[in-house]
Amino acid sequence: MLVHDTVGTGRSQAETDQIRVSLQARHEELTAEYEQAVQQSQVLRLVEVGDTAGDDQADSGTKTAERDTAQSLLRTILDRRAQYEHALARLADGTYGFCEGCTAPIPVERLEIFPSATTCVTCKQTRERRAS
């Protein structure tokens, strides 16, 4: 099934399978985390709707800040989950572990710390310098 993948990357089938299991497990954790955050956000909204009587500006501001924080958390989790989906797709097509910028292998140490990394450190730093 992934013979082309393992030949092109120099990884054994066992290594590829281990990476896949690890990426899928983290993706599932993020999915569960997202579902929990959605539930908490819904509870927060229900409390807000039922508890607005007597609110002053500070109360309204606090509720708005809490709502914004909850939405930010949801976006962050979705972004991280998308990174793992991308990593799984790259693993399937044989490009996982290679920099999307320069195509050089991404150091194993970087992938161990950040399994969904798509760039080597040099290309990442270059992107960050351009963005700032």
N, C-alpha and C. Protein backbone atom coordinates (compact mmCIF):
# COMPACT_ATOMS: atom_id res chain seq x y z
N MET A 1 0.82 -1.18 0.00
CA MET A 1 0.00 0.00 0.00
C MET A 1 0.87 1.26 0.00
N LEU A 2 1.85 1.36 0.89
CA LEU A 2 2.69 2.55 0.95
C LEU A 2 4.12 2.23 0.51
N VAL A 3 4.27 1.28 -0.40
CA VAL A 3 5.61 0.89 -0.83
C VAL A 3 6.31 2.08 -1.47
N HIS A 4 5.61 2.83 -2.33
CA HIS A 4 6.21 4.00 -2.96
C HIS A 4 6.64 5.01 -1.89
N ASP A 5 5.79 5.20 -0.91
CA ASP A 5 6.06 6.12 0.20
C ASP A 5 7.35 5.73 0.91
N THR A 6 7.47 4.47 1.28
CA THR A 6 8.63 4.06 2.06
C THR A 6 9.91 4.08 1.23
N VAL A 7 9.79 3.82 -0.08
CA VAL A 7 10.98 3.86 -0.92
C VAL A 7 11.44 5.31 -1.07
N GLY A 8 10.51 6.23 -1.31
CA GLY A 8 10.84 7.63 -1.54
C GLY A 8 11.38 8.33 -0.30
N THR A 9 10.97 7.90 0.87
CA THR A 9 11.36 8.60 2.10
C THR A 9 12.46 7.89 2.86
N GLY A 10 12.74 6.67 2.51
CA GLY A 10 13.74 5.92 3.25
C GLY A 10 13.21 5.37 4.56
N ARG A 11 11.91 5.46 4.78
CA ARG A 11 11.29 4.93 6.00
C ARG A 11 10.81 3.51 5.75
N SER A 12 10.89 2.71 6.80
CA SER A 12 10.33 1.37 6.70
C SER A 12 8.82 1.47 6.84
N GLN A 13 8.14 0.41 6.45
CA GLN A 13 6.68 0.38 6.60
C GLN A 13 6.30 0.52 8.07
N ALA A 14 7.06 -0.11 8.95
CA ALA A 14 6.78 -0.03 10.39
C ALA A 14 6.91 1.41 10.89
N GLU A 15 7.94 2.13 10.43
CA GLU A 15 8.10 3.53 10.83
C GLU A 15 6.94 4.38 10.32
N THR A 16 6.57 4.17 9.07
CA THR A 16 5.45 4.91 8.48
C THR A 16 4.17 4.64 9.26
N ASP A 17 3.94 3.38 9.59
CA ASP A 17 2.74 3.01 10.35
C ASP A 17 2.75 3.66 11.74
N GLN A 18 3.91 3.67 12.37
CA GLN A 18 4.04 4.27 13.70
C GLN A 18 3.75 5.78 13.64
N ILE A 19 4.27 6.44 12.62
CA ILE A 19 4.01 7.87 12.44
C ILE A 19 2.51 8.10 12.22
N ARG A 20 1.91 7.28 11.37
CA ARG A 20 0.48 7.42 11.07
C ARG A 20 -0.36 7.27 12.34
N VAL A 21 -0.06 6.25 13.14
CA VAL A 21 -0.80 6.01 14.38
C VAL A 21 -0.66 7.21 15.32
N SER A 22 0.54 7.73 15.43
CA SER A 22 0.79 8.88 16.30
C SER A 22 0.02 10.11 15.81
N LEU A 23 0.08 10.39 14.51
CA LEU A 23 -0.63 11.54 13.95
C LEU A 23 -2.14 11.39 14.11
N GLN A 24 -2.65 10.19 13.84
CA GLN A 24 -4.10 9.96 13.98
C GLN A 24 -4.55 10.09 15.42
N ALA A 25 -3.74 9.61 16.35
CA ALA A 25 -4.09 9.70 17.77
C ALA A 25 -4.17 11.16 18.19
N ARG A 26 -3.21 11.97 17.76
CA ARG A 26 -3.24 13.40 18.12
C ARG A 26 -4.43 14.09 17.46
N HIS A 27 -4.74 13.72 16.21
CA HIS A 27 -5.90 14.28 15.52
C HIS A 27 -7.19 13.95 16.28
N GLU A 28 -7.29 12.72 16.76
CA GLU A 28 -8.48 12.31 17.53
C GLU A 28 -8.56 13.06 18.86
N GLU A 29 -7.41 13.29 19.51
CA GLU A 29 -7.39 14.07 20.75
C GLU A 29 -7.89 15.49 20.49
N LEU A 30 -7.43 16.09 19.40
CA LEU A 30 -7.86 17.45 19.06
C LEU A 30 -9.34 17.49 18.71
N THR A 31 -9.84 16.45 18.07
CA THR A 31 -11.26 16.38 17.76
C THR A 31 -12.08 16.33 19.04
N ALA A 32 -11.66 15.51 19.99
CA ALA A 32 -12.35 15.42 21.29
C ALA A 32 -12.27 16.75 22.03
N GLU A 33 -11.09 17.38 21.99
CA GLU A 33 -10.90 18.67 22.64
C GLU A 33 -11.83 19.72 22.02
N TYR A 34 -11.96 19.68 20.69
CA TYR A 34 -12.84 20.62 19.99
C TYR A 34 -14.29 20.39 20.40
N GLU A 35 -14.72 19.14 20.41
CA GLU A 35 -16.11 18.84 20.78
C GLU A 35 -16.41 19.30 22.21
N GLN A 36 -15.46 19.13 23.11
CA GLN A 36 -15.63 19.57 24.49
C GLN A 36 -15.71 21.10 24.55
N ALA A 37 -14.86 21.78 23.79
CA ALA A 37 -14.87 23.24 23.77
C ALA A 37 -16.17 23.78 23.18
N VAL A 38 -16.70 23.09 22.17
CA VAL A 38 -17.99 23.50 21.58
C VAL A 38 -19.09 23.38 22.63
N GLN A 39 -19.10 22.28 23.36
CA GLN A 39 -20.10 22.10 24.41
C GLN A 39 -19.99 23.19 25.47
N GLN A 40 -18.77 23.50 25.89
CA GLN A 40 -18.57 24.55 26.89
C GLN A 40 -19.03 25.91 26.36
N SER A 41 -18.78 26.14 25.09
CA SER A 41 -19.18 27.39 24.47
C SER A 41 -20.71 27.50 24.42
N GLN A 42 -21.37 26.39 24.13
CA GLN A 42 -22.83 26.38 24.10
C GLN A 42 -23.41 26.63 25.49
N VAL A 43 -22.80 26.04 26.49
CA VAL A 43 -23.25 26.25 27.87
C VAL A 43 -23.07 27.73 28.23
N LEU A 44 -21.94 28.29 27.85
CA LEU A 44 -21.66 29.70 28.13
C LEU A 44 -22.74 30.59 27.49
N ARG A 45 -23.10 30.27 26.24
CA ARG A 45 -24.13 31.06 25.55
C ARG A 45 -25.48 30.93 26.25
N LEU A 46 -25.81 29.71 26.68
CA LEU A 46 -27.09 29.51 27.37
C LEU A 46 -27.14 30.29 28.67
N VAL A 47 -26.04 30.30 29.40
CA VAL A 47 -25.97 31.05 30.66
C VAL A 47 -26.13 32.55 30.36
N GLU A 48 -25.45 33.00 29.30
CA GLU A 48 -25.54 34.41 28.92
C GLU A 48 -26.97 34.81 28.61
N VAL A 49 -27.64 34.00 27.83
CA VAL A 49 -29.01 34.31 27.42
C VAL A 49 -29.93 34.38 28.63
N GLY A 50 -29.75 33.47 29.55
CA GLY A 50 -30.63 33.41 30.71
C GLY A 50 -30.23 34.32 31.84
N ASP A 51 -29.05 34.96 31.75
CA ASP A 51 -28.55 35.71 32.90
C ASP A 51 -28.06 37.10 32.49
N THR A 52 -28.94 37.88 31.89
CA THR A 52 -28.52 39.22 31.47
C THR A 52 -29.21 40.32 32.28
N ALA A 53 -30.18 39.95 33.07
CA ALA A 53 -30.89 40.95 33.86
C ALA A 53 -29.93 41.61 34.86
N GLY A 54 -29.93 42.92 34.88
CA GLY A 54 -29.11 43.65 35.84
C GLY A 54 -27.66 43.78 35.46
N ASP A 55 -27.30 43.37 34.24
CA ASP A 55 -25.90 43.48 33.81
C ASP A 55 -25.51 44.94 33.63
N ASP A 56 -24.35 45.29 34.12
CA ASP A 56 -23.81 46.61 33.84
C ASP A 56 -22.76 46.46 32.74
N GLN A 57 -22.07 47.54 32.43
CA GLN A 57 -21.08 47.49 31.35
C GLN A 57 -19.95 46.50 31.65
N ALA A 58 -19.55 46.41 32.89
CA ALA A 58 -18.47 45.49 33.26
C ALA A 58 -18.90 44.04 33.05
N ASP A 59 -20.15 43.73 33.44
CA ASP A 59 -20.66 42.37 33.23
C ASP A 59 -20.71 42.05 31.74
N SER A 60 -21.21 42.98 30.96
CA SER A 60 -21.30 42.77 29.51
C SER A 60 -19.91 42.60 28.91
N GLY A 61 -18.98 43.41 29.37
CA GLY A 61 -17.60 43.31 28.87
C GLY A 61 -16.97 41.98 29.21
N THR A 62 -17.21 41.51 30.42
CA THR A 62 -16.67 40.22 30.85
C THR A 62 -17.25 39.10 30.00
N LYS A 63 -18.55 39.15 29.76
CA LYS A 63 -19.20 38.10 28.95
C LYS A 63 -18.68 38.13 27.51
N THR A 64 -18.47 39.33 26.98
CA THR A 64 -17.94 39.44 25.63
C THR A 64 -16.52 38.87 25.57
N ALA A 65 -15.71 39.17 26.57
CA ALA A 65 -14.34 38.65 26.61
C ALA A 65 -14.34 37.13 26.72
N GLU A 66 -15.23 36.59 27.54
CA GLU A 66 -15.31 35.13 27.67
C GLU A 66 -15.74 34.49 26.35
N ARG A 67 -16.69 35.11 25.68
CA ARG A 67 -17.17 34.59 24.39
C ARG A 67 -16.05 34.64 23.35
N ASP A 68 -15.32 35.76 23.32
CA ASP A 68 -14.20 35.90 22.39
C ASP A 68 -13.11 34.87 22.66
N THR A 69 -12.83 34.64 23.93
CA THR A 69 -11.82 33.64 24.31
C THR A 69 -12.25 32.24 23.86
N ALA A 70 -13.52 31.92 24.07
CA ALA A 70 -14.04 30.61 23.67
C ALA A 70 -13.95 30.44 22.15
N GLN A 71 -14.29 31.48 21.40
CA GLN A 71 -14.21 31.41 19.94
C GLN A 71 -12.77 31.28 19.47
N SER A 72 -11.87 31.98 20.12
CA SER A 72 -10.45 31.90 19.79
C SER A 72 -9.92 30.48 20.03
N LEU A 73 -10.34 29.89 21.14
CA LEU A 73 -9.93 28.52 21.46
C LEU A 73 -10.43 27.56 20.38
N LEU A 74 -11.66 27.71 19.96
CA LEU A 74 -12.22 26.84 18.91
C LEU A 74 -11.42 26.98 17.61
N ARG A 75 -11.11 28.21 17.23
CA ARG A 75 -10.33 28.42 16.00
C ARG A 75 -8.94 27.80 16.11
N THR A 76 -8.32 27.95 17.27
CA THR A 76 -6.97 27.39 17.48
C THR A 76 -7.00 25.87 17.37
N ILE A 77 -7.98 25.25 18.00
CA ILE A 77 -8.07 23.78 17.94
C ILE A 77 -8.32 23.33 16.51
N LEU A 78 -9.21 24.01 15.80
CA LEU A 78 -9.49 23.64 14.40
C LEU A 78 -8.24 23.79 13.54
N ASP A 79 -7.47 24.84 13.78
CA ASP A 79 -6.24 25.05 13.02
C ASP A 79 -5.24 23.94 13.28
N ARG A 80 -5.06 23.59 14.55
CA ARG A 80 -4.13 22.51 14.91
C ARG A 80 -4.60 21.18 14.32
N ARG A 81 -5.91 20.94 14.36
CA ARG A 81 -6.44 19.69 13.80
C ARG A 81 -6.20 19.65 12.29
N ALA A 82 -6.38 20.79 11.61
CA ALA A 82 -6.12 20.85 10.17
C ALA A 82 -4.64 20.57 9.87
N GLN A 83 -3.74 21.02 10.74
CA GLN A 83 -2.32 20.74 10.55
C GLN A 83 -2.06 19.22 10.58
N TYR A 84 -2.73 18.53 11.48
CA TYR A 84 -2.55 17.08 11.56
C TYR A 84 -3.19 16.38 10.37
N GLU A 85 -4.31 16.89 9.88
CA GLU A 85 -4.92 16.33 8.67
C GLU A 85 -3.96 16.48 7.49
N HIS A 86 -3.33 17.65 7.41
CA HIS A 86 -2.35 17.91 6.34
C HIS A 86 -1.15 16.96 6.47
N ALA A 87 -0.69 16.75 7.70
CA ALA A 87 0.44 15.84 7.93
C ALA A 87 0.07 14.42 7.51
N LEU A 88 -1.15 13.99 7.83
CA LEU A 88 -1.59 12.65 7.43
C LEU A 88 -1.67 12.52 5.90
N ALA A 89 -2.14 13.58 5.24
CA ALA A 89 -2.20 13.57 3.77
C ALA A 89 -0.79 13.50 3.18
N ARG A 90 0.13 14.25 3.78
CA ARG A 90 1.52 14.24 3.30
C ARG A 90 2.15 12.86 3.53
N LEU A 91 1.81 12.22 4.64
CA LEU A 91 2.33 10.88 4.90
C LEU A 91 1.82 9.92 3.83
N ALA A 92 0.54 10.04 3.50
CA ALA A 92 -0.06 9.16 2.49
C ALA A 92 0.56 9.35 1.11
N ASP A 93 0.92 10.60 0.78
CA ASP A 93 1.48 10.82 -0.56
C ASP A 93 3.01 10.78 -0.60
N GLY A 94 3.63 10.49 0.56
CA GLY A 94 5.08 10.30 0.57
C GLY A 94 5.90 11.56 0.76
N THR A 95 5.25 12.68 1.08
CA THR A 95 6.01 13.92 1.25
C THR A 95 6.19 14.31 2.71
N TYR A 96 5.64 13.53 3.62
CA TYR A 96 5.79 13.83 5.05
C TYR A 96 7.27 13.76 5.43
N GLY A 97 7.71 14.74 6.19
CA GLY A 97 9.09 14.75 6.65
C GLY A 97 10.03 15.53 5.74
N PHE A 98 9.47 16.07 4.65
CA PHE A 98 10.27 16.89 3.74
C PHE A 98 9.72 18.30 3.74
N CYS A 99 10.61 19.28 3.72
CA CYS A 99 10.24 20.69 3.77
C CYS A 99 9.44 21.09 2.53
N GLU A 100 8.31 21.77 2.76
CA GLU A 100 7.52 22.27 1.65
C GLU A 100 8.20 23.45 0.96
N GLY A 101 9.17 24.06 1.62
CA GLY A 101 9.89 25.19 1.04
C GLY A 101 11.05 24.77 0.15
N CYS A 102 11.96 23.99 0.72
CA CYS A 102 13.19 23.64 -0.01
C CYS A 102 13.28 22.14 -0.34
N THR A 103 12.33 21.36 0.09
CA THR A 103 12.24 19.89 -0.12
C THR A 103 13.31 19.08 0.62
N ALA A 104 14.11 19.73 1.45
CA ALA A 104 15.11 19.00 2.25
C ALA A 104 14.39 18.22 3.36
N PRO A 105 14.99 17.14 3.82
CA PRO A 105 14.37 16.42 4.94
C PRO A 105 14.29 17.31 6.18
N ILE A 106 13.16 17.23 6.86
CA ILE A 106 12.99 17.94 8.13
C ILE A 106 13.65 17.08 9.20
N PRO A 107 14.51 17.65 10.03
CA PRO A 107 15.18 16.83 11.05
C PRO A 107 14.18 16.07 11.92
N VAL A 108 14.53 14.84 12.23
CA VAL A 108 13.67 13.97 13.03
C VAL A 108 13.34 14.63 14.37
N GLU A 109 14.33 15.32 14.95
CA GLU A 109 14.11 15.97 16.24
C GLU A 109 12.99 17.01 16.15
N ARG A 110 12.95 17.74 15.03
CA ARG A 110 11.88 18.74 14.83
C ARG A 110 10.53 18.04 14.71
N LEU A 111 10.48 16.94 13.98
CA LEU A 111 9.23 16.21 13.81
C LEU A 111 8.77 15.56 15.12
N GLU A 112 9.72 15.17 15.96
CA GLU A 112 9.34 14.60 17.25
C GLU A 112 8.69 15.65 18.14
N ILE A 113 9.20 16.88 18.08
CA ILE A 113 8.65 17.97 18.88
C ILE A 113 7.38 18.53 18.26
N PHE A 114 7.37 18.65 16.93
CA PHE A 114 6.26 19.25 16.20
C PHE A 114 5.91 18.34 15.03
N PRO A 115 5.16 17.25 15.28
CA PRO A 115 4.90 16.23 14.26
C PRO A 115 4.22 16.74 13.00
N SER A 116 3.52 17.86 13.09
CA SER A 116 2.83 18.37 11.91
C SER A 116 3.65 19.42 11.16
N ALA A 117 4.94 19.53 11.50
CA ALA A 117 5.81 20.50 10.83
C ALA A 117 5.86 20.23 9.33
N THR A 118 5.79 21.32 8.55
CA THR A 118 5.85 21.19 7.09
C THR A 118 7.09 21.85 6.51
N THR A 119 7.85 22.52 7.38
CA THR A 119 9.06 23.19 6.90
C THR A 119 10.23 22.90 7.83
N CYS A 120 11.42 23.01 7.25
CA CYS A 120 12.63 22.91 8.07
C CYS A 120 12.76 24.21 8.86
N VAL A 121 13.65 24.24 9.83
CA VAL A 121 13.82 25.41 10.68
C VAL A 121 14.23 26.63 9.85
N THR A 122 15.12 26.45 8.90
CA THR A 122 15.60 27.56 8.08
C THR A 122 14.45 28.20 7.30
N CYS A 123 13.64 27.39 6.64
CA CYS A 123 12.52 27.93 5.87
C CYS A 123 11.46 28.55 6.78
N LYS A 124 11.25 27.97 7.95
CA LYS A 124 10.30 28.53 8.91
C LYS A 124 10.76 29.91 9.36
N GLN A 125 12.04 30.04 9.66
CA GLN A 125 12.58 31.33 10.09
C GLN A 125 12.47 32.37 8.97
N THR A 126 12.72 31.94 7.74
CA THR A 126 12.60 32.84 6.60
C THR A 126 11.16 33.33 6.45
N ARG A 127 10.19 32.43 6.58
CA ARG A 127 8.78 32.80 6.50
C ARG A 127 8.41 33.80 7.59
N GLU A 128 8.89 33.54 8.80
CA GLU A 128 8.56 34.41 9.94
C GLU A 128 9.18 35.80 9.75
N ARG A 129 10.39 35.87 9.20
CA ARG A 129 11.02 37.17 8.96
C ARG A 129 10.23 37.95 7.91
N ARG A 130 9.76 37.26 6.88
CA ARG A 130 8.98 37.92 5.83
C ARG A 130 7.64 38.41 6.37
N ALA A 131 7.06 37.66 7.30
CA ALA A 131 5.75 38.01 7.85
C ALA A 131 5.82 39.21 8.79
N SER A 132 6.99 39.44 9.36
CA SER A 132 7.08 40.55 10.35
C SER A 132 7.52 41.84 9.73
